[in-house]
């Protein structure tokens, strides 16, 4: 499995109301944790961007058990999502 992120996210600033557009190519994805659980490993991947006006924004994908997308989450530091990326896990080519 590998992470994918497509499209453009739109995020509204919590104080000013300004909507910022963020291209999916701005996120840097990394595996940030792995933990052995009852059905195998749970892997956590995080895509992050440091935006000049919004600060650090993160999108997270969990894989559990291996080969299955389990959960999606994002943390925008209190800002509001207007439109989200299409993101998650997909089969990597053999």
C-alpha atoms as a PDB file:
ATOM      1  CA  UNK A   1       0.000   0.000   0.000  1.00  0.00           C
ATOM      2  CA  UNK A   2       1.053   3.586  -0.556  1.00  0.00           C
ATOM      3  CA  UNK A   3      -0.475   6.935   0.289  1.00  0.00           C
ATOM      4  CA  UNK A   4      -2.131   9.088  -2.347  1.00  0.00           C
ATOM      5  CA  UNK A   5      -3.347  12.663  -2.239  1.00  0.00           C
ATOM      6  CA  UNK A   6      -5.135  14.365  -5.123  1.00  0.00           C
ATOM      7  CA  UNK A   7      -6.761  17.683  -5.780  1.00  0.00           C
ATOM      8  CA  UNK A   8      -6.852  20.939  -3.887  1.00  0.00           C
ATOM      9  CA  UNK A   9      -7.911  21.548  -0.289  1.00  0.00           C
ATOM     10  CA  UNK A  10      -9.574  24.801   0.688  1.00  0.00           C
ATOM     11  CA  UNK A  11      -9.111  25.927   4.293  1.00  0.00           C
ATOM     12  CA  UNK A  12     -10.817  28.920   5.933  1.00  0.00           C
ATOM     13  CA  UNK A  13      -8.682  30.846   8.430  1.00  0.00           C
ATOM     14  CA  UNK A  14     -10.311  30.750  11.893  1.00  0.00           C
ATOM     15  CA  UNK A  15      -9.786  34.479  12.574  1.00  0.00           C
ATOM     16  CA  UNK A  16      -9.856  36.266   9.226  1.00  0.00           C
ATOM     17  CA  UNK A  17     -12.228  34.042   7.244  1.00  0.00           C
ATOM     18  CA  UNK A  18      -9.827  34.058   4.303  1.00  0.00           C
ATOM     19  CA  UNK A  19      -9.980  30.831   2.284  1.00  0.00           C
ATOM     20  CA  UNK A  20      -6.614  29.421   1.213  1.00  0.00           C
ATOM     21  CA  UNK A  21      -6.145  26.821  -1.523  1.00  0.00           C
ATOM     22  CA  UNK A  22      -3.505  24.149  -0.970  1.00  0.00           C
ATOM     23  CA  UNK A  23      -2.354  21.849  -3.778  1.00  0.00           C
ATOM     24  CA  UNK A  24      -1.877  18.184  -2.918  1.00  0.00           C
ATOM     25  CA  UNK A  25       1.709  18.381  -4.195  1.00  0.00           C
ATOM     26  CA  UNK A  26       2.572  20.614  -1.197  1.00  0.00           C
ATOM     27  CA  UNK A  27       2.100  17.798   1.327  1.00  0.00           C
ATOM     28  CA  UNK A  28       5.088  15.721   2.369  1.00  0.00           C
ATOM     29  CA  UNK A  29       4.016  12.181   3.353  1.00  0.00           C
ATOM     30  CA  UNK A  30       5.920  10.036   5.858  1.00  0.00           C
ATOM     31  CA  UNK A  31       5.237   6.937   7.908  1.00  0.00           C
ATOM     32  CA  UNK A  32       5.272   8.279  11.453  1.00  0.00           C
ATOM     33  CA  UNK A  33       4.514   5.184  13.558  1.00  0.00           C
ATOM     34  CA  UNK A  34       3.968   1.450  13.566  1.00  0.00           C
ATOM     35  CA  UNK A  35       2.560  -0.604  16.393  1.00  0.00           C
ATOM     36  CA  UNK A  36       1.976  -4.340  16.630  1.00  0.00           C
ATOM     37  CA  UNK A  37      -1.629  -5.165  17.450  1.00  0.00           C
ATOM     38  CA  UNK A  38      -3.762  -8.307  17.562  1.00  0.00           C
ATOM     39  CA  UNK A  39      -4.229  -8.574  13.749  1.00  0.00           C
ATOM     40  CA  UNK A  40      -0.733  -7.423  12.787  1.00  0.00           C
ATOM     41  CA  UNK A  41       0.842  -4.025  12.481  1.00  0.00           C
ATOM     42  CA  UNK A  42      -0.975  -0.706  12.508  1.00  0.00           C
ATOM     43  CA  UNK A  43       0.890   1.844  10.392  1.00  0.00           C
ATOM     44  CA  UNK A  44       0.334   5.596  10.560  1.00  0.00           C
ATOM     45  CA  UNK A  45       1.140   7.938   7.660  1.00  0.00           C
ATOM     46  CA  UNK A  46       1.073  11.703   7.896  1.00  0.00           C
ATOM     47  CA  UNK A  47       1.018  14.358   5.183  1.00  0.00           C
ATOM     48  CA  UNK A  48       2.084  17.766   6.406  1.00  0.00           C
ATOM     49  CA  UNK A  49       2.376  21.277   5.056  1.00  0.00           C
ATOM     50  CA  UNK A  50       3.686  24.372   6.819  1.00  0.00           C
ATOM     51  CA  UNK A  51       1.489  27.155   5.445  1.00  0.00           C
ATOM     52  CA  UNK A  52       2.661  30.786   5.947  1.00  0.00           C
ATOM     53  CA  UNK A  53      -0.786  32.026   7.097  1.00  0.00           C
ATOM     54  CA  UNK A  54      -2.360  28.859   8.549  1.00  0.00           C
ATOM     55  CA  UNK A  55       0.611  27.222  10.268  1.00  0.00           C
ATOM     56  CA  UNK A  56       1.199  23.469  10.301  1.00  0.00           C
ATOM     57  CA  UNK A  57      -1.629  21.414   8.777  1.00  0.00           C
ATOM     58  CA  UNK A  58      -1.662  17.605   8.834  1.00  0.00           C
ATOM     59  CA  UNK A  59      -3.618  14.815   7.139  1.00  0.00           C
ATOM     60  CA  UNK A  60      -3.293  11.311   8.611  1.00  0.00           C
ATOM     61  CA  UNK A  61      -4.024   7.821   7.259  1.00  0.00           C
ATOM     62  CA  UNK A  62      -3.938   4.591   9.295  1.00  0.00           C
ATOM     63  CA  UNK A  63      -3.351   1.172   7.757  1.00  0.00           C
ATOM     64  CA  UNK A  64      -4.656  -1.742   9.873  1.00  0.00           C
ATOM     65  CA  UNK A  65      -4.337  -4.523   9.352  1.00  0.00           C
ATOM     66  CA  UNK A  66      -1.565  -4.361   6.760  1.00  0.00           C
ATOM     67  CA  UNK A  67      -3.116  -3.834   3.345  1.00  0.00           C
ATOM     68  CA  UNK A  68      -6.329  -2.203   4.594  1.00  0.00           C
ATOM     69  CA  UNK A  69      -7.066   1.475   5.040  1.00  0.00           C
ATOM     70  CA  UNK A  70      -8.503   1.902   8.518  1.00  0.00           C
ATOM     71  CA  UNK A  71      -9.040   5.566   9.341  1.00  0.00           C
ATOM     72  CA  UNK A  72      -8.557   9.105   7.967  1.00  0.00           C
ATOM     73  CA  UNK A  73      -8.122  12.278   9.998  1.00  0.00           C
ATOM     74  CA  UNK A  74      -6.912  15.852   9.564  1.00  0.00           C
ATOM     75  CA  UNK A  75      -5.732  18.554  11.986  1.00  0.00           C
ATOM     76  CA  UNK A  76      -6.008  22.119  10.768  1.00  0.00           C
ATOM     77  CA  UNK A  77      -5.080  23.891  13.988  1.00  0.00           C
ATOM     78  CA  UNK A  78      -8.610  25.174  14.518  1.00  0.00           C
ATOM     79  CA  UNK A  79      -9.115  26.335  10.933  1.00  0.00           C
ATOM     80  CA  UNK A  80     -12.122  25.078   8.928  1.00  0.00           C
ATOM     81  CA  UNK A  81     -12.049  22.705   5.980  1.00  0.00           C
ATOM     82  CA  UNK A  82     -14.110  24.022   3.065  1.00  0.00           C
ATOM     83  CA  UNK A  83     -13.035  21.382   0.536  1.00  0.00           C
ATOM     84  CA  UNK A  84     -10.786  18.437   1.328  1.00  0.00           C
ATOM     85  CA  UNK A  85      -8.278  16.457  -0.695  1.00  0.00           C
ATOM     86  CA  UNK A  86      -9.078  13.019  -2.013  1.00  0.00           C
ATOM     87  CA  UNK A  87      -6.519  11.070   0.019  1.00  0.00           C
ATOM     88  CA  UNK A  88      -5.889   7.650   1.527  1.00  0.00           C
ATOM     89  CA  UNK A  89      -4.140   4.394   0.659  1.00  0.00           C
ATOM     90  CA  UNK A  90      -4.029   2.531  -2.625  1.00  0.00           C
ATOM     91  CA  UNK A  91      -2.343  -0.602  -3.922  1.00  0.00           C
ATOM     92  CA  UNK A  92       1.152   0.086  -5.145  1.00  0.00           C
ATOM     93  CA  UNK A  93       2.061  -1.373  -8.545  1.00  0.00           C
ATOM     94  CA  UNK A  94       3.920  -4.696  -8.398  1.00  0.00           C
END
